[in-house]
Amino acid sequence: MNTVKTLALCIAASVTLQGCNQAQVLEQPAAKQTTLQVIKLNSLENQSTRHFSGLVRAHDSANLAFRVPGTLSEVLVQPGDNVKKR
């Protein structure tokens, strides 16, 4: 049993040292620089603005009804979890 442990330790050490032997440093290519054009914005004082009143509603809606009244206090599952009906 002792020889099996020793053999396993030697194999693990050789695999670890084999990975250390291959130290290749790849040089990262320089990031491509982008030229930007900078412009100065004018003041908004001379701009005309308009204000409108209104009501925003969703295009689609759904009315929901539940068999059990009350407030949901805790969610015990995460999105993507598999659940089964009891």
C-alpha atoms as a PDB file:
ATOM      1  CA  MET A   1       0.000   0.000   0.000  1.00  0.00           C
ATOM      2  CA  ASN A   2       2.904   2.313   0.786  1.00  0.00           C
ATOM      3  CA  THR A   3       4.421   1.748  -2.656  1.00  0.00           C
ATOM      4  CA  VAL A   4       1.129   2.712  -4.331  1.00  0.00           C
ATOM      5  CA  LYS A   5       1.082   6.022  -2.451  1.00  0.00           C
ATOM      6  CA  THR A   6       4.730   6.656  -3.311  1.00  0.00           C
ATOM      7  CA  LEU A   7       4.121   5.875  -6.985  1.00  0.00           C
ATOM      8  CA  ALA A   8       1.071   8.159  -7.082  1.00  0.00           C
ATOM      9  CA  LEU A   9       3.063  10.954  -5.430  1.00  0.00           C
ATOM     10  CA  CYS A  10       5.902  10.560  -7.958  1.00  0.00           C
ATOM     11  CA  ILE A  11       3.485  10.671 -10.897  1.00  0.00           C
ATOM     12  CA  ALA A  12       1.736  13.761  -9.519  1.00  0.00           C
ATOM     13  CA  ALA A  13       5.069  15.503  -8.922  1.00  0.00           C
ATOM     14  CA  SER A  14       6.330  14.712 -12.428  1.00  0.00           C
ATOM     15  CA  VAL A  15       3.122  16.014 -14.027  1.00  0.00           C
ATOM     16  CA  THR A  16       3.358  19.202 -11.970  1.00  0.00           C
ATOM     17  CA  LEU A  17       7.015  19.738 -12.835  1.00  0.00           C
ATOM     18  CA  GLN A  18       6.349  19.011 -16.521  1.00  0.00           C
ATOM     19  CA  GLY A  19       3.947  21.952 -16.610  1.00  0.00           C
ATOM     20  CA  CYS A  20       6.576  24.206 -15.007  1.00  0.00           C
ATOM     21  CA  ASN A  21       9.129  23.254 -17.656  1.00  0.00           C
ATOM     22  CA  GLN A  22       7.130  24.811 -20.492  1.00  0.00           C
ATOM     23  CA  ALA A  23       7.322  28.489 -19.571  1.00  0.00           C
ATOM     24  CA  GLN A  24       6.383  30.245 -22.784  1.00  0.00           C
ATOM     25  CA  VAL A  25       5.610  33.918 -22.580  1.00  0.00           C
ATOM     26  CA  LEU A  26       3.473  35.075 -25.462  1.00  0.00           C
ATOM     27  CA  GLU A  27       3.805  38.742 -26.218  1.00  0.00           C
ATOM     28  CA  GLN A  28       0.440  40.452 -26.438  1.00  0.00           C
ATOM     29  CA  PRO A  29      -0.028  42.538 -29.578  1.00  0.00           C
ATOM     30  CA  ALA A  30      -0.334  46.244 -28.920  1.00  0.00           C
ATOM     31  CA  ALA A  31      -3.892  47.505 -28.758  1.00  0.00           C
ATOM     32  CA  LYS A  32      -4.970  49.343 -31.872  1.00  0.00           C
ATOM     33  CA  GLN A  33      -5.345  53.033 -31.119  1.00  0.00           C
ATOM     34  CA  THR A  34      -8.381  54.809 -32.458  1.00  0.00           C
ATOM     35  CA  THR A  35      -8.270  58.440 -33.503  1.00  0.00           C
ATOM     36  CA  LEU A  36     -11.123  60.492 -32.099  1.00  0.00           C
ATOM     37  CA  GLN A  37     -12.481  63.801 -33.261  1.00  0.00           C
ATOM     38  CA  VAL A  38     -13.397  66.145 -30.416  1.00  0.00           C
ATOM     39  CA  ILE A  39     -16.069  68.773 -30.940  1.00  0.00           C
ATOM     40  CA  LYS A  40     -17.349  71.477 -28.611  1.00  0.00           C
ATOM     41  CA  LEU A  41     -21.091  71.607 -28.006  1.00  0.00           C
ATOM     42  CA  ASN A  42     -22.940  74.881 -28.010  1.00  0.00           C
ATOM     43  CA  SER A  43     -25.009  76.063 -25.090  1.00  0.00           C
ATOM     44  CA  LEU A  44     -28.648  74.966 -24.964  1.00  0.00           C
ATOM     45  CA  GLU A  45     -29.866  78.447 -24.022  1.00  0.00           C
ATOM     46  CA  ASN A  46     -30.918  79.311 -27.578  1.00  0.00           C
ATOM     47  CA  GLN A  47     -32.614  75.976 -28.228  1.00  0.00           C
ATOM     48  CA  SER A  48     -36.392  75.721 -28.198  1.00  0.00           C
ATOM     49  CA  THR A  49     -37.903  73.120 -25.921  1.00  0.00           C
ATOM     50  CA  ARG A  50     -41.418  71.747 -25.783  1.00  0.00           C
ATOM     51  CA  HIS A  51     -43.194  70.128 -22.867  1.00  0.00           C
ATOM     52  CA  PHE A  52     -46.075  67.700 -23.323  1.00  0.00           C
ATOM     53  CA  SER A  53     -48.290  66.056 -20.770  1.00  0.00           C
ATOM     54  CA  GLY A  54     -49.509  62.534 -21.285  1.00  0.00           C
ATOM     55  CA  LEU A  55     -49.856  59.007 -20.013  1.00  0.00           C
ATOM     56  CA  VAL A  56     -47.522  56.159 -20.943  1.00  0.00           C
ATOM     57  CA  ARG A  57     -48.962  52.635 -21.096  1.00  0.00           C
ATOM     58  CA  ALA A  58     -47.522  49.289 -22.124  1.00  0.00           C
ATOM     59  CA  HIS A  59     -48.501  47.922 -25.526  1.00  0.00           C
ATOM     60  CA  ASP A  60     -49.209  44.473 -24.069  1.00  0.00           C
ATOM     61  CA  SER A  61     -50.568  43.779 -20.594  1.00  0.00           C
ATOM     62  CA  ALA A  62     -52.007  40.834 -18.693  1.00  0.00           C
ATOM     63  CA  ASN A  63     -54.449  40.643 -15.811  1.00  0.00           C
ATOM     64  CA  LEU A  64     -53.338  38.097 -13.221  1.00  0.00           C
ATOM     65  CA  ALA A  65     -55.498  36.237 -10.696  1.00  0.00           C
ATOM     66  CA  PHE A  66     -54.355  33.882  -7.952  1.00  0.00           C
ATOM     67  CA  ARG A  67     -56.137  31.144  -6.012  1.00  0.00           C
ATOM     68  CA  VAL A  68     -54.392  32.029  -2.738  1.00  0.00           C
ATOM     69  CA  PRO A  69     -54.629  35.631  -1.496  1.00  0.00           C
ATOM     70  CA  GLY A  70     -51.695  37.306   0.202  1.00  0.00           C
ATOM     71  CA  THR A  71     -48.261  38.758  -0.371  1.00  0.00           C
ATOM     72  CA  LEU A  72     -45.277  36.737  -1.578  1.00  0.00           C
ATOM     73  CA  SER A  73     -42.623  37.061   1.122  1.00  0.00           C
ATOM     74  CA  GLU A  74     -39.830  34.821  -0.209  1.00  0.00           C
ATOM     75  CA  VAL A  75     -38.793  33.131  -3.471  1.00  0.00           C
ATOM     76  CA  LEU A  76     -36.936  29.882  -2.809  1.00  0.00           C
ATOM     77  CA  VAL A  77     -35.776  29.189  -6.381  1.00  0.00           C
ATOM     78  CA  GLN A  78     -33.513  30.942  -8.833  1.00  0.00           C
ATOM     79  CA  PRO A  79     -34.107  31.451 -12.562  1.00  0.00           C
ATOM     80  CA  GLY A  80     -33.138  28.245 -14.367  1.00  0.00           C
ATOM     81  CA  ASP A  81     -33.806  25.907 -11.410  1.00  0.00           C
ATOM     82  CA  ASN A  82     -35.760  22.718 -12.094  1.00  0.00           C
ATOM     83  CA  VAL A  83     -38.911  22.385 -10.001  1.00  0.00           C
ATOM     84  CA  LYS A  84     -41.532  19.627  -9.655  1.00  0.00           C
ATOM     85  CA  LYS A  85     -45.186  19.788  -8.692  1.00  0.00           C
ATOM     86  CA  ARG A  86     -45.973  17.805  -5.525  1.00  0.00           C
END
